Amino acid sequence: MGALAVSRTALAAPDPSRSEQRTNHRVSIALVAPHSLHQLPLTLADRLGYFRQAGISVEWLPQESGAKALASAVQGQAQVVSGAFEHLFGLQQKGLGYQAFVQLARTPQLSLGVSTRLNVRSVMALKGTRVGVTALQSSTHFMVCHWLMQNGLLPEDVVFVEVGSSASVVDALRSGAIDALCHSDPIMYGLEQRNEIRLLGEARTLVASRKLMGGPVSGTSLWARSDYLQKQPELTQALSDAVVHALKWLQTAGLTDILKTVPSTHWEGDRAIYLGAFEKLRESFALDGLFSAEAVTNAWHAYNRLPDRQVGVRPVLTSSYTNSFAVKSKTRFAA
């Protein structure tokens, strides 16, 4: 299993063959599992030079979970977060004004698998098991709750174990510290291909995600404080441009293009595993960075079904996102 450690200043070493462009904006972005396919659009924007072209210098702040990425933003350590859209609902309910401004994915891009050491063949049979999630109140935790409730169980019917997002999650599964795991690719796809887990649920594809969530939902997005977006419109537009440019490139990219662009450190030691995982997720990536009102509404309904939500407190859904930046980027790059 390849190392997942990442520099705070870059997702990958700079390419000396590309001429440096003067940067006008500096921004810190908190993100989970920077080598995962969750963050592929950002990796591409970085490696293809789109951030530099847009005049941005990015400081990457890797976190072990979405909950910690959120906390880093609330505490003022990160200006922007690349994270699950549903976190915005909780922030609004706490009176914190955060807004998503460009979408990276159209599904949660997560899977749930159980160790093949156990004779467990359904979600219902997970009762009493230890389920690994990046952290409580993270998207992995939320997704496991959805799968449990869809199959007649409650979250308290399992024991949640926080395992973070680094390569140690695999060690936790192999050592027996956890019985099941909800995580992103390529880790989950690799475990599946090596017959170390039996897949019980997946929210990679559009069809599977809609079946679980009750319709289309918004996935990983870039978001920040609303007042930050208002004070930094040029920087926000530049970030949107770089991401939408990468999404446009991704629409026609072949597997060879992916291999040439994504650093080998992201492959988890096996490029076939990485490419296989990418093929599973290809359709889940956003096409143009725009948010759908229907997807946001469905995401809210799914989030509100989770236990311990604040009853009767409904966020203003139209305030949780803006398409004003992505619309301009879409026009600029014909995405």
Protein backbone atom coordinates (compact mmCIF):
# COMPACT_ATOMS: atom_id res chain seq x y z
CA MET A 1 0.00 0.00 0.00
CA GLY A 2 1.60 3.30 -1.08
CA ALA A 3 2.15 6.08 1.41
CA LEU A 4 -0.54 8.71 1.66
CA ALA A 5 1.56 11.44 3.24
CA VAL A 6 1.36 14.73 1.39
CA SER A 7 3.13 18.05 1.56
CA ARG A 8 1.24 21.02 2.96
CA THR A 9 2.37 23.05 -0.04
CA ALA A 10 1.64 20.78 -3.00
CA LEU A 11 -0.28 17.69 -4.02
CA ALA A 12 2.65 16.69 -6.20
CA ALA A 13 6.11 17.92 -7.07
CA PRO A 14 6.00 20.79 -9.55
CA ASP A 15 6.69 20.04 -13.16
CA PRO A 16 9.87 21.94 -14.14
CA SER A 17 8.96 21.69 -17.83
CA ARG A 18 6.12 24.15 -17.29
CA SER A 19 7.03 27.81 -17.17
CA GLU A 20 6.11 29.57 -13.95
CA GLN A 21 3.36 32.14 -14.17
CA ARG A 22 3.15 35.04 -11.77
CA THR A 23 0.60 34.23 -9.08
CA ASN A 24 -1.71 36.90 -7.74
CA HIS A 25 -3.69 34.91 -5.18
CA ARG A 26 -2.74 32.63 -2.30
CA VAL A 27 -5.31 30.30 -0.77
CA SER A 28 -5.28 27.49 1.79
CA ILE A 29 -7.51 24.48 1.07
CA ALA A 30 -8.35 21.79 3.63
CA LEU A 31 -9.04 18.38 2.15
CA VAL A 32 -9.35 14.72 3.11
CA ALA A 33 -7.33 11.92 1.52
CA PRO A 34 -5.51 14.08 -1.06
CA HIS A 35 -4.32 11.01 -2.98
CA SER A 36 -7.82 9.55 -3.25
CA LEU A 37 -10.05 9.76 -6.29
CA HIS A 38 -12.30 12.07 -4.27
CA GLN A 39 -9.78 14.80 -4.98
CA LEU A 40 -8.89 13.85 -8.57
CA PRO A 41 -10.17 17.14 -10.11
CA LEU A 42 -7.87 19.08 -7.77
CA THR A 43 -4.94 16.80 -8.56
CA LEU A 44 -5.54 17.36 -12.27
CA ALA A 45 -5.91 21.13 -11.87
CA ASP A 46 -2.59 21.12 -10.02
CA ARG A 47 -0.67 18.79 -12.35
CA LEU A 48 -1.98 20.32 -15.56
CA GLY A 49 -0.99 23.78 -14.40
CA TYR A 50 -4.53 25.17 -14.29
CA PHE A 51 -4.08 26.71 -10.85
CA ARG A 52 -0.95 28.53 -12.04
CA GLN A 53 -2.72 29.63 -15.21
CA ALA A 54 -5.49 31.09 -13.07
CA GLY A 55 -2.91 32.92 -10.96
CA ILE A 56 -3.35 30.85 -7.79
CA SER A 57 -0.80 29.54 -5.31
CA VAL A 58 -2.41 26.81 -3.19
CA GLU A 59 -1.40 25.67 0.27
CA TRP A 60 -2.85 22.19 0.82
CA LEU A 61 -3.94 21.30 4.35
CA PRO A 62 -4.54 17.51 4.47
CA GLN A 63 -6.92 16.32 7.18
CA GLU A 64 -7.81 12.84 8.46
CA SER A 65 -11.57 13.34 8.06
CA GLY A 66 -14.21 15.66 6.68
CA ALA A 67 -15.12 16.62 10.23
CA LYS A 68 -11.54 17.80 10.85
CA ALA A 69 -11.41 19.64 7.51
CA LEU A 70 -14.58 21.45 8.53
CA ALA A 71 -13.09 22.28 11.93
CA SER A 72 -9.95 23.69 10.31
CA ALA A 73 -12.12 26.12 8.33
CA VAL A 74 -14.26 27.14 11.32
CA GLN A 75 -11.11 27.72 13.38
CA GLY A 76 -9.64 29.93 10.65
CA GLN A 77 -6.80 27.62 9.59
CA ALA A 78 -8.20 27.00 6.09
CA GLN A 79 -9.90 29.49 3.79
CA VAL A 80 -11.53 26.88 1.54
CA VAL A 81 -12.58 23.26 2.07
CA SER A 82 -12.82 20.46 -0.47
CA GLY A 83 -15.37 18.28 1.23
CA ALA A 84 -18.76 16.61 1.27
CA PHE A 85 -21.63 18.95 0.45
CA GLU A 86 -23.83 17.81 3.35
CA HIS A 87 -21.52 19.45 5.89
CA LEU A 88 -22.95 22.78 4.76
CA PHE A 89 -26.34 21.90 6.26
CA GLY A 90 -24.89 21.38 9.72
CA LEU A 91 -22.90 24.61 9.45
CA GLN A 92 -26.02 26.57 8.53
CA GLN A 93 -27.95 25.03 11.41
CA LYS A 94 -25.23 26.33 13.72
CA GLY A 95 -25.62 29.81 12.28
CA LEU A 96 -22.40 29.67 10.26
CA GLY A 97 -22.67 31.02 6.74
CA TYR A 98 -20.75 28.76 4.39
CA GLN A 99 -21.42 28.33 0.69
CA ALA A 100 -20.29 25.87 -2.00
CA PHE A 101 -19.15 27.46 -5.25
CA VAL A 102 -17.98 24.64 -7.53
CA GLN A 103 -18.89 20.95 -7.56
CA LEU A 104 -16.33 18.18 -8.06
CA ALA A 105 -18.56 15.10 -7.88
CA ARG A 106 -22.18 14.06 -8.33
CA THR A 107 -22.14 11.06 -5.97
CA PRO A 108 -20.68 10.43 -2.48
CA GLN A 109 -18.00 8.21 -4.11
CA LEU A 110 -17.92 5.90 -1.08
CA SER A 111 -18.32 2.16 -0.52
CA LEU A 112 -19.06 -0.09 2.45
CA GLY A 113 -17.29 -3.43 2.71
CA VAL A 114 -16.94 -6.15 5.34
CA SER A 115 -13.87 -8.27 5.94
CA THR A 116 -14.00 -11.61 4.15
CA ARG A 117 -12.84 -13.15 7.46
CA LEU A 118 -16.43 -12.80 8.61
CA ASN A 119 -19.39 -14.72 7.28
CA VAL A 120 -21.35 -11.52 6.68
CA ARG A 121 -23.19 -11.19 3.40
CA SER A 122 -25.65 -8.37 4.00
CA VAL A 123 -25.86 -5.04 5.76
CA MET A 124 -28.45 -6.54 8.13
CA ALA A 125 -25.82 -8.99 9.35
CA LEU A 126 -23.52 -6.13 10.43
CA LYS A 127 -25.32 -5.85 13.79
CA GLY A 128 -22.75 -5.89 16.58
CA THR A 129 -19.75 -5.42 14.30
CA ARG A 130 -17.06 -2.70 14.43
CA VAL A 131 -17.32 -0.40 11.43
CA GLY A 132 -14.41 1.82 10.50
CA VAL A 133 -15.15 5.42 9.44
CA THR A 134 -12.80 8.36 9.00
CA ALA A 135 -14.45 10.11 11.96
CA LEU A 136 -17.83 10.53 13.58
CA GLN A 137 -19.89 13.24 11.83
CA SER A 138 -17.89 12.68 8.64
CA SER A 139 -19.37 11.68 5.29
CA THR A 140 -18.25 8.07 5.83
CA HIS A 141 -20.15 8.01 9.12
CA PHE A 142 -23.24 9.55 7.48
CA MET A 143 -23.16 7.03 4.63
CA VAL A 144 -22.93 4.01 6.93
CA CYS A 145 -25.95 5.36 8.82
CA HIS A 146 -27.86 5.58 5.52
CA TRP A 147 -27.04 1.96 4.63
CA LEU A 148 -27.96 0.72 8.10
CA MET A 149 -31.30 2.53 8.21
CA GLN A 150 -32.17 1.44 4.67
CA ASN A 151 -31.74 -2.16 5.86
CA GLY A 152 -33.75 -1.93 9.07
CA LEU A 153 -30.90 -1.24 11.51
CA LEU A 154 -30.05 1.78 13.63
CA PRO A 155 -26.61 3.40 13.93
CA GLU A 156 -26.37 2.18 17.53
CA ASP A 157 -26.60 -1.42 16.27
CA VAL A 158 -22.91 -1.22 15.26
CA VAL A 159 -19.77 0.11 16.93
CA PHE A 160 -18.21 2.98 14.99
CA VAL A 161 -14.42 3.14 15.09
CA GLU A 162 -12.59 6.27 13.91
CA VAL A 163 -9.71 5.21 11.66
CA GLY A 164 -8.89 8.38 9.72
CA SER A 165 -8.10 8.42 6.02
CA SER A 166 -4.45 7.31 5.83
CA ALA A 167 -3.08 3.92 4.78
CA SER A 168 -3.49 2.75 8.40
CA VAL A 169 -7.17 2.03 7.67
CA VAL A 170 -6.05 -1.05 5.76
CA ASP A 171 -3.94 -2.18 8.71
CA ALA A 172 -6.96 -1.75 10.98
CA LEU A 173 -9.00 -4.06 8.76
CA ARG A 174 -6.25 -6.66 8.36
CA SER A 175 -5.45 -6.74 12.08
CA GLY A 176 -9.09 -7.26 13.03
CA ALA A 177 -9.36 -3.91 14.82
CA ILE A 178 -12.41 -3.30 12.63
CA ASP A 179 -14.77 -5.73 10.92
CA ALA A 180 -16.05 -3.47 8.17
CA LEU A 181 -14.98 -0.23 6.51
CA CYS A 182 -16.56 2.70 4.70
CA HIS A 183 -14.01 4.57 2.65
CA SER A 184 -13.12 6.03 -0.74
CA ASP A 185 -11.27 4.67 -3.75
CA PRO A 186 -8.75 3.45 -4.72
CA ILE A 187 -8.45 1.93 -1.21
CA MET A 188 -11.86 0.23 -1.27
CA TYR A 189 -11.50 -0.98 -4.85
CA GLY A 190 -8.06 -2.41 -4.03
CA LEU A 191 -9.35 -4.29 -0.98
CA GLU A 192 -12.21 -5.63 -3.06
CA GLN A 193 -9.94 -6.81 -5.88
CA ARG A 194 -7.61 -8.53 -3.40
CA ASN A 195 -10.62 -10.31 -1.89
CA GLU A 196 -10.03 -8.72 1.51
CA ILE A 197 -13.52 -7.22 1.70
CA ARG A 198 -16.97 -8.19 0.49
CA LEU A 199 -18.80 -5.14 -0.82
CA LEU A 200 -22.16 -4.58 0.91
CA GLY A 201 -22.99 -1.17 -0.49
CA GLU A 202 -21.62 1.39 -2.89
CA ALA A 203 -22.43 4.98 -3.78
CA ARG A 204 -20.01 5.36 -6.66
CA THR A 205 -22.31 5.30 -9.66
CA LEU A 206 -25.20 7.65 -10.32
CA VAL A 207 -27.75 4.81 -10.22
CA ALA A 208 -26.50 3.33 -6.94
CA SER A 209 -26.27 6.74 -5.33
CA ARG A 210 -29.78 7.74 -6.35
CA LYS A 211 -31.17 4.44 -5.07
CA LEU A 212 -29.60 4.96 -1.65
CA MET A 213 -30.15 8.70 -1.31
CA GLY A 214 -33.61 8.93 -2.89
CA GLY A 215 -32.46 10.90 -5.92
CA PRO A 216 -29.47 12.81 -7.28
CA VAL A 217 -27.24 14.50 -4.70
CA SER A 218 -24.32 16.88 -4.68
CA GLY A 219 -20.97 15.32 -3.81
CA THR A 220 -17.54 16.72 -3.00
CA SER A 221 -17.42 20.48 -3.56
CA LEU A 222 -15.27 23.50 -2.81
CA TRP A 223 -16.85 25.71 -0.17
CA ALA A 224 -15.95 28.64 2.05
CA ARG A 225 -17.48 31.31 4.26
CA SER A 226 -20.00 33.40 2.34
CA ASP A 227 -18.31 36.64 3.36
CA TYR A 228 -14.97 35.26 2.12
CA LEU A 229 -16.49 34.62 -1.31
CA GLN A 230 -17.86 38.17 -1.34
CA LYS A 231 -14.52 39.69 -0.34
CA GLN A 232 -12.45 37.50 -2.68
CA PRO A 233 -14.48 37.22 -5.92
CA GLU A 234 -11.42 37.14 -8.19
CA LEU A 235 -9.74 34.37 -6.21
CA THR A 236 -12.99 32.38 -6.02
CA GLN A 237 -13.48 32.75 -9.77
CA ALA A 238 -9.91 31.62 -10.38
CA LEU A 239 -10.45 28.50 -8.23
CA SER A 240 -13.67 27.74 -10.08
CA ASP A 241 -11.94 28.24 -13.45
CA ALA A 242 -9.13 25.82 -12.56
CA VAL A 243 -11.53 23.11 -11.34
CA VAL A 244 -13.97 23.42 -14.26
CA HIS A 245 -11.03 23.37 -16.68
CA ALA A 246 -9.88 20.10 -15.07
CA LEU A 247 -13.41 18.65 -15.24
CA LYS A 248 -13.53 19.57 -18.94
CA TRP A 249 -10.18 17.80 -19.51
CA LEU A 250 -11.46 14.76 -17.62
CA GLN A 251 -14.46 14.32 -19.94
CA THR A 252 -12.26 13.19 -22.83
CA ALA A 253 -9.23 11.84 -20.95
CA GLY A 254 -8.17 8.27 -21.67
CA LEU A 255 -6.52 5.91 -19.20
CA THR A 256 -3.09 6.73 -20.62
CA ASP A 257 -3.78 10.42 -20.02
CA ILE A 258 -4.66 9.67 -16.41
CA LEU A 259 -1.47 7.65 -15.89
CA LYS A 260 0.68 10.38 -17.42
CA THR A 261 -0.90 13.10 -15.30
CA VAL A 262 -1.56 11.57 -11.87
CA PRO A 263 1.61 10.98 -9.79
CA SER A 264 2.49 7.32 -9.21
CA THR A 265 2.30 7.94 -5.45
CA HIS A 266 -1.48 8.06 -5.89
CA TRP A 267 -1.67 4.56 -7.36
CA GLU A 268 -1.40 2.70 -4.04
CA GLY A 269 1.42 0.68 -5.56
CA ASP A 270 -0.75 -0.77 -8.33
CA ARG A 271 -1.65 1.27 -11.39
CA ALA A 272 -4.17 -1.35 -12.56
CA ILE A 273 -6.04 -0.96 -9.26
CA TYR A 274 -6.00 2.83 -9.62
CA LEU A 275 -7.29 2.75 -13.19
CA GLY A 276 -9.95 0.16 -12.32
CA ALA A 277 -11.16 2.36 -9.48
CA PHE A 278 -11.17 5.39 -11.76
CA GLU A 279 -13.32 3.57 -14.32
CA LYS A 280 -15.83 2.75 -11.58
CA LEU A 281 -16.03 6.42 -10.65
CA ARG A 282 -15.67 8.11 -14.02
CA GLU A 283 -19.35 9.00 -14.43
CA SER A 284 -19.57 10.35 -10.89
CA PHE A 285 -17.38 13.37 -11.52
CA ALA A 286 -19.13 16.67 -12.19
CA LEU A 287 -19.30 17.80 -15.80
CA ASP A 288 -19.28 21.57 -15.41
CA GLY A 289 -19.07 22.37 -11.69
CA LEU A 290 -22.69 23.52 -11.49
CA PHE A 291 -25.06 22.61 -8.67
CA SER A 292 -28.56 21.28 -9.31
CA ALA A 293 -31.36 22.57 -7.08
CA GLU A 294 -32.90 19.08 -7.16
CA ALA A 295 -29.64 17.46 -6.04
CA VAL A 296 -29.21 19.95 -3.19
CA THR A 297 -32.80 19.37 -2.02
CA ASN A 298 -32.35 15.59 -2.12
CA ALA A 299 -29.05 15.90 -0.24
CA TRP A 300 -30.86 17.87 2.47
CA HIS A 301 -33.68 15.31 2.77
CA ALA A 302 -31.10 12.51 3.08
CA TYR A 303 -29.12 14.46 5.69
CA ASN A 304 -32.27 15.26 7.64
CA ARG A 305 -33.13 11.55 7.89
CA LEU A 306 -29.96 10.93 9.87
CA PRO A 307 -30.30 10.51 13.64
CA ASP A 308 -29.69 13.44 16.00
CA ARG A 309 -30.54 16.10 13.44
CA GLN A 310 -31.95 19.39 14.75
CA VAL A 311 -35.68 18.84 14.35
CA GLY A 312 -37.52 21.69 12.68
CA VAL A 313 -34.40 23.66 11.77
CA ARG A 314 -34.25 23.78 8.00
CA PRO A 315 -31.36 25.61 6.36
CA VAL A 316 -31.99 27.98 3.48
CA LEU A 317 -31.00 25.60 0.70
CA THR A 318 -30.47 28.31 -1.89
CA SER A 319 -27.92 29.90 0.45
CA SER A 320 -25.86 26.70 0.67
CA TYR A 321 -24.45 27.11 -2.83
CA THR A 322 -23.92 29.56 -5.66
CA ASN A 323 -23.54 28.86 -9.36
CA SER A 324 -22.40 32.38 -10.22
CA PHE A 325 -18.73 31.42 -10.47
CA ALA A 326 -19.15 28.02 -12.16
CA VAL A 327 -21.46 29.52 -14.79
CA LYS A 328 -18.69 31.89 -15.89
CA SER A 329 -16.16 29.04 -15.84
CA LYS A 330 -18.44 26.82 -17.89
CA THR A 331 -18.76 29.53 -20.55
CA ARG A 332 -15.01 30.16 -20.53
CA PHE A 333 -14.09 26.49 -21.08
CA ALA A 334 -17.19 25.28 -22.95
CA ALA A 335 -17.64 22.61 -20.29
